Amino acid sequence: MSLLRKIIIASVLGFCVTSCQHTQPLATKDTDRTGWVQVATIPAVSVVKMQRVMIHEGIPAWFDASGYPYYPVTVPPEYRDRAKQIFSERGYHVNSK
């Protein structure tokens, strides 16, 4: 096998491994969300994208499907300001409280 072919195969495999990783949510249905505050409301079609953004930012966030087709988003109080900023920058409805 040629060196170029080995490099190409290694590059493709490396890309697949890094791009196919599943990110774990920081908040699950078992998370104690007592005291969490609602920061935004987003359409259902944006939930997966915004979950990834929150995970990337290190902010535990709960997207409540009971509000379908618009999901209320809650976060721990210490993340309120940063979460509001993130949602606002992306054009979503941010709670004023």
N, C-alpha and C. Protein backbone atom coordinates (compact mmCIF):
# COMPACT_ATOMS: atom_id res chain seq x y z
N MET A 1 0.86 -1.17 0.00
CA MET A 1 0.00 0.00 0.00
C MET A 1 0.91 1.23 0.00
N SER A 2 0.58 2.18 -0.84
CA SER A 2 1.41 3.38 -0.95
C SER A 2 1.23 4.27 0.28
N LEU A 3 2.22 5.09 0.51
CA LEU A 3 2.19 6.02 1.65
C LEU A 3 1.03 7.00 1.52
N LEU A 4 0.80 7.51 0.33
CA LEU A 4 -0.30 8.45 0.12
C LEU A 4 -1.65 7.80 0.45
N ARG A 5 -1.82 6.56 0.03
CA ARG A 5 -3.07 5.85 0.31
C ARG A 5 -3.26 5.66 1.82
N LYS A 6 -2.19 5.32 2.53
CA LYS A 6 -2.26 5.16 3.99
C LYS A 6 -2.64 6.47 4.66
N ILE A 7 -2.07 7.56 4.18
CA ILE A 7 -2.38 8.87 4.76
C ILE A 7 -3.84 9.23 4.54
N ILE A 8 -4.33 8.97 3.35
CA ILE A 8 -5.73 9.28 3.03
C ILE A 8 -6.67 8.44 3.89
N ILE A 9 -6.40 7.17 4.01
CA ILE A 9 -7.24 6.28 4.83
C ILE A 9 -7.21 6.72 6.29
N ALA A 10 -6.03 7.03 6.81
CA ALA A 10 -5.92 7.48 8.20
C ALA A 10 -6.68 8.79 8.40
N SER A 11 -6.62 9.69 7.44
CA SER A 11 -7.33 10.97 7.55
C SER A 11 -8.83 10.77 7.56
N VAL A 12 -9.32 9.92 6.68
CA VAL A 12 -10.75 9.66 6.61
C VAL A 12 -11.24 8.99 7.90
N LEU A 13 -10.50 8.03 8.39
CA LEU A 13 -10.88 7.37 9.65
C LEU A 13 -10.86 8.35 10.82
N GLY A 14 -9.86 9.18 10.87
CA GLY A 14 -9.78 10.20 11.93
C GLY A 14 -10.95 11.15 11.87
N PHE A 15 -11.33 11.56 10.68
CA PHE A 15 -12.47 12.46 10.51
C PHE A 15 -13.75 11.77 10.97
N CYS A 16 -13.93 10.54 10.59
CA CYS A 16 -15.14 9.80 10.98
C CYS A 16 -15.24 9.65 12.49
N VAL A 17 -14.14 9.34 13.12
CA VAL A 17 -14.15 9.15 14.58
C VAL A 17 -14.51 10.45 15.29
N THR A 18 -13.92 11.56 14.88
CA THR A 18 -14.18 12.82 15.57
C THR A 18 -15.53 13.41 15.22
N SER A 19 -16.02 13.23 14.00
CA SER A 19 -17.30 13.83 13.63
C SER A 19 -18.49 12.98 14.03
N CYS A 20 -18.29 11.72 14.30
CA CYS A 20 -19.40 10.83 14.62
C CYS A 20 -19.59 10.62 16.12
N GLN A 21 -18.81 11.30 16.92
CA GLN A 21 -18.94 11.13 18.36
C GLN A 21 -20.27 11.68 18.83
N HIS A 22 -20.92 10.96 19.71
CA HIS A 22 -22.18 11.40 20.27
C HIS A 22 -21.89 12.21 21.52
N THR A 23 -22.44 13.40 21.58
CA THR A 23 -22.22 14.22 22.76
C THR A 23 -23.27 13.89 23.82
N GLN A 24 -22.85 13.81 25.04
CA GLN A 24 -23.74 13.48 26.14
C GLN A 24 -24.38 14.75 26.69
N PRO A 25 -25.69 14.73 26.91
CA PRO A 25 -26.35 15.91 27.48
C PRO A 25 -25.88 16.17 28.91
N LEU A 26 -25.88 17.43 29.29
CA LEU A 26 -25.48 17.79 30.65
C LEU A 26 -26.66 17.74 31.61
N ALA A 27 -27.88 17.68 31.06
CA ALA A 27 -29.09 17.55 31.88
C ALA A 27 -29.94 16.43 31.27
N THR A 28 -30.44 15.56 32.12
CA THR A 28 -31.30 14.47 31.67
C THR A 28 -32.61 14.52 32.44
N LYS A 29 -33.51 13.62 32.11
CA LYS A 29 -34.81 13.61 32.81
C LYS A 29 -34.63 13.32 34.30
N ASP A 30 -33.51 12.71 34.69
CA ASP A 30 -33.25 12.39 36.09
C ASP A 30 -32.54 13.51 36.85
N THR A 31 -32.15 14.55 36.15
CA THR A 31 -31.46 15.68 36.78
C THR A 31 -32.43 16.44 37.69
N ASP A 32 -31.96 16.78 38.89
CA ASP A 32 -32.79 17.59 39.79
C ASP A 32 -32.76 19.03 39.27
N ARG A 33 -33.90 19.48 38.74
CA ARG A 33 -33.97 20.81 38.16
C ARG A 33 -34.69 21.80 39.07
N THR A 34 -34.75 21.50 40.34
CA THR A 34 -35.37 22.40 41.31
C THR A 34 -34.61 23.73 41.31
N GLY A 35 -35.33 24.82 41.16
CA GLY A 35 -34.73 26.14 41.19
C GLY A 35 -34.21 26.62 39.84
N TRP A 36 -34.29 25.79 38.82
CA TRP A 36 -33.82 26.21 37.50
C TRP A 36 -34.74 27.31 36.98
N VAL A 37 -34.21 28.17 36.14
CA VAL A 37 -34.97 29.30 35.62
C VAL A 37 -35.16 29.17 34.10
N GLN A 38 -36.32 29.62 33.64
CA GLN A 38 -36.58 29.60 32.20
C GLN A 38 -35.89 30.80 31.57
N VAL A 39 -35.09 30.54 30.53
CA VAL A 39 -34.35 31.62 29.89
C VAL A 39 -34.83 31.93 28.47
N ALA A 40 -35.46 30.96 27.82
CA ALA A 40 -35.87 31.17 26.43
C ALA A 40 -36.96 30.19 26.04
N THR A 41 -37.55 30.45 24.88
CA THR A 41 -38.49 29.54 24.26
C THR A 41 -38.06 29.41 22.81
N ILE A 42 -37.90 28.16 22.36
CA ILE A 42 -37.42 27.95 20.99
C ILE A 42 -38.33 26.97 20.25
N PRO A 43 -38.38 27.07 18.91
CA PRO A 43 -39.19 26.12 18.15
C PRO A 43 -38.60 24.72 18.19
N ALA A 44 -39.45 23.73 18.06
CA ALA A 44 -39.02 22.33 18.13
C ALA A 44 -37.91 22.01 17.14
N VAL A 45 -37.93 22.62 15.96
CA VAL A 45 -36.93 22.31 14.94
C VAL A 45 -35.53 22.77 15.34
N SER A 46 -35.42 23.62 16.35
CA SER A 46 -34.11 24.14 16.77
C SER A 46 -33.53 23.44 18.00
N VAL A 47 -34.29 22.52 18.56
CA VAL A 47 -33.88 21.90 19.83
C VAL A 47 -32.53 21.19 19.72
N VAL A 48 -32.36 20.32 18.74
CA VAL A 48 -31.12 19.54 18.65
C VAL A 48 -29.92 20.45 18.47
N LYS A 49 -30.05 21.44 17.60
CA LYS A 49 -28.95 22.38 17.38
C LYS A 49 -28.60 23.12 18.66
N MET A 50 -29.61 23.61 19.37
CA MET A 50 -29.33 24.38 20.58
C MET A 50 -28.87 23.49 21.74
N GLN A 51 -29.27 22.22 21.75
CA GLN A 51 -28.73 21.31 22.75
C GLN A 51 -27.22 21.18 22.54
N ARG A 52 -26.81 21.04 21.30
CA ARG A 52 -25.37 20.94 21.00
C ARG A 52 -24.63 22.21 21.41
N VAL A 53 -25.24 23.37 21.15
CA VAL A 53 -24.61 24.64 21.54
C VAL A 53 -24.43 24.69 23.06
N MET A 54 -25.47 24.31 23.79
CA MET A 54 -25.39 24.36 25.26
C MET A 54 -24.34 23.37 25.79
N ILE A 55 -24.27 22.20 25.20
CA ILE A 55 -23.26 21.23 25.60
C ILE A 55 -21.87 21.79 25.34
N HIS A 56 -21.69 22.37 24.16
CA HIS A 56 -20.40 22.96 23.80
C HIS A 56 -20.01 24.08 24.77
N GLU A 57 -20.98 24.86 25.21
CA GLU A 57 -20.73 25.96 26.15
C GLU A 57 -20.60 25.48 27.59
N GLY A 58 -20.92 24.21 27.84
CA GLY A 58 -20.83 23.67 29.20
C GLY A 58 -21.99 24.10 30.09
N ILE A 59 -23.12 24.41 29.48
CA ILE A 59 -24.28 24.87 30.24
C ILE A 59 -25.33 23.76 30.28
N PRO A 60 -25.66 23.26 31.48
CA PRO A 60 -26.74 22.28 31.58
C PRO A 60 -28.05 22.98 31.24
N ALA A 61 -28.79 22.43 30.31
CA ALA A 61 -30.06 23.05 29.89
C ALA A 61 -31.10 21.96 29.68
N TRP A 62 -32.35 22.28 30.07
CA TRP A 62 -33.46 21.36 29.88
C TRP A 62 -34.42 21.97 28.87
N PHE A 63 -34.70 21.21 27.81
CA PHE A 63 -35.61 21.63 26.76
C PHE A 63 -36.91 20.87 26.99
N ASP A 64 -37.94 21.57 27.45
CA ASP A 64 -39.18 20.93 27.90
C ASP A 64 -40.15 20.69 26.74
N ALA A 65 -40.28 19.43 26.35
CA ALA A 65 -41.13 19.05 25.22
C ALA A 65 -42.62 19.26 25.51
N SER A 66 -42.99 19.48 26.76
CA SER A 66 -44.41 19.65 27.07
C SER A 66 -44.97 20.93 26.47
N GLY A 67 -44.10 21.83 26.03
CA GLY A 67 -44.55 23.07 25.41
C GLY A 67 -44.63 23.01 23.90
N TYR A 68 -44.48 21.79 23.33
CA TYR A 68 -44.44 21.62 21.88
C TYR A 68 -45.57 22.40 21.20
N PRO A 69 -45.31 23.12 20.12
CA PRO A 69 -44.14 23.13 19.25
C PRO A 69 -43.04 24.10 19.67
N TYR A 70 -43.24 24.82 20.78
CA TYR A 70 -42.18 25.70 21.29
C TYR A 70 -41.71 25.15 22.63
N TYR A 71 -40.41 24.94 22.74
CA TYR A 71 -39.84 24.33 23.93
C TYR A 71 -39.33 25.41 24.88
N PRO A 72 -39.86 25.47 26.11
CA PRO A 72 -39.25 26.33 27.11
C PRO A 72 -37.89 25.74 27.52
N VAL A 73 -36.90 26.59 27.68
CA VAL A 73 -35.56 26.14 28.03
C VAL A 73 -35.23 26.66 29.42
N THR A 74 -34.83 25.74 30.32
CA THR A 74 -34.45 26.14 31.67
C THR A 74 -33.00 25.76 31.94
N VAL A 75 -32.36 26.56 32.78
CA VAL A 75 -30.96 26.34 33.15
C VAL A 75 -30.80 26.65 34.64
N PRO A 76 -29.72 26.18 35.26
CA PRO A 76 -29.46 26.57 36.64
C PRO A 76 -29.26 28.09 36.71
N PRO A 77 -29.64 28.72 37.82
CA PRO A 77 -29.58 30.18 37.92
C PRO A 77 -28.21 30.78 37.61
N GLU A 78 -27.14 30.08 37.95
CA GLU A 78 -25.80 30.63 37.73
C GLU A 78 -25.44 30.74 36.25
N TYR A 79 -26.19 30.07 35.39
CA TYR A 79 -25.95 30.13 33.94
C TYR A 79 -26.94 31.03 33.21
N ARG A 80 -27.86 31.65 33.94
CA ARG A 80 -28.94 32.42 33.35
C ARG A 80 -28.46 33.48 32.35
N ASP A 81 -27.56 34.33 32.75
CA ASP A 81 -27.13 35.43 31.90
C ASP A 81 -26.43 34.95 30.63
N ARG A 82 -25.54 34.00 30.77
CA ARG A 82 -24.82 33.50 29.59
C ARG A 82 -25.78 32.78 28.64
N ALA A 83 -26.71 31.99 29.18
CA ALA A 83 -27.67 31.29 28.34
C ALA A 83 -28.56 32.28 27.59
N LYS A 84 -29.04 33.32 28.29
CA LYS A 84 -29.86 34.34 27.63
C LYS A 84 -29.09 35.00 26.50
N GLN A 85 -27.84 35.28 26.74
CA GLN A 85 -27.01 35.90 25.71
C GLN A 85 -26.91 35.00 24.48
N ILE A 86 -26.66 33.72 24.70
CA ILE A 86 -26.52 32.77 23.60
C ILE A 86 -27.80 32.69 22.77
N PHE A 87 -28.95 32.56 23.44
CA PHE A 87 -30.21 32.47 22.72
C PHE A 87 -30.55 33.77 22.01
N SER A 88 -30.30 34.87 22.66
CA SER A 88 -30.57 36.18 22.06
C SER A 88 -29.74 36.41 20.80
N GLU A 89 -28.46 36.05 20.86
CA GLU A 89 -27.57 36.22 19.72
C GLU A 89 -28.05 35.40 18.51
N ARG A 90 -28.78 34.34 18.77
CA ARG A 90 -29.26 33.47 17.70
C ARG A 90 -30.69 33.80 17.28
N GLY A 91 -31.26 34.85 17.87
CA GLY A 91 -32.58 35.35 17.46
C GLY A 91 -33.77 34.66 18.09
N TYR A 92 -33.56 33.93 19.17
CA TYR A 92 -34.67 33.25 19.83
C TYR A 92 -35.33 34.16 20.86
N HIS A 93 -36.56 33.84 21.22
CA HIS A 93 -37.29 34.61 22.23
C HIS A 93 -36.67 34.35 23.60
N VAL A 94 -36.16 35.39 24.22
CA VAL A 94 -35.54 35.29 25.54
C VAL A 94 -36.48 35.87 26.57
N ASN A 95 -36.62 35.17 27.71
CA ASN A 95 -37.48 35.67 28.79
C ASN A 95 -36.88 36.92 29.41
N SER A 96 -37.73 37.86 29.74
CA SER A 96 -37.24 39.14 30.28
C SER A 96 -36.94 39.08 31.77
N LYS A 97 -37.43 38.08 32.46
CA LYS A 97 -37.21 37.99 33.92
C LYS A 97 -35.77 37.61 34.23
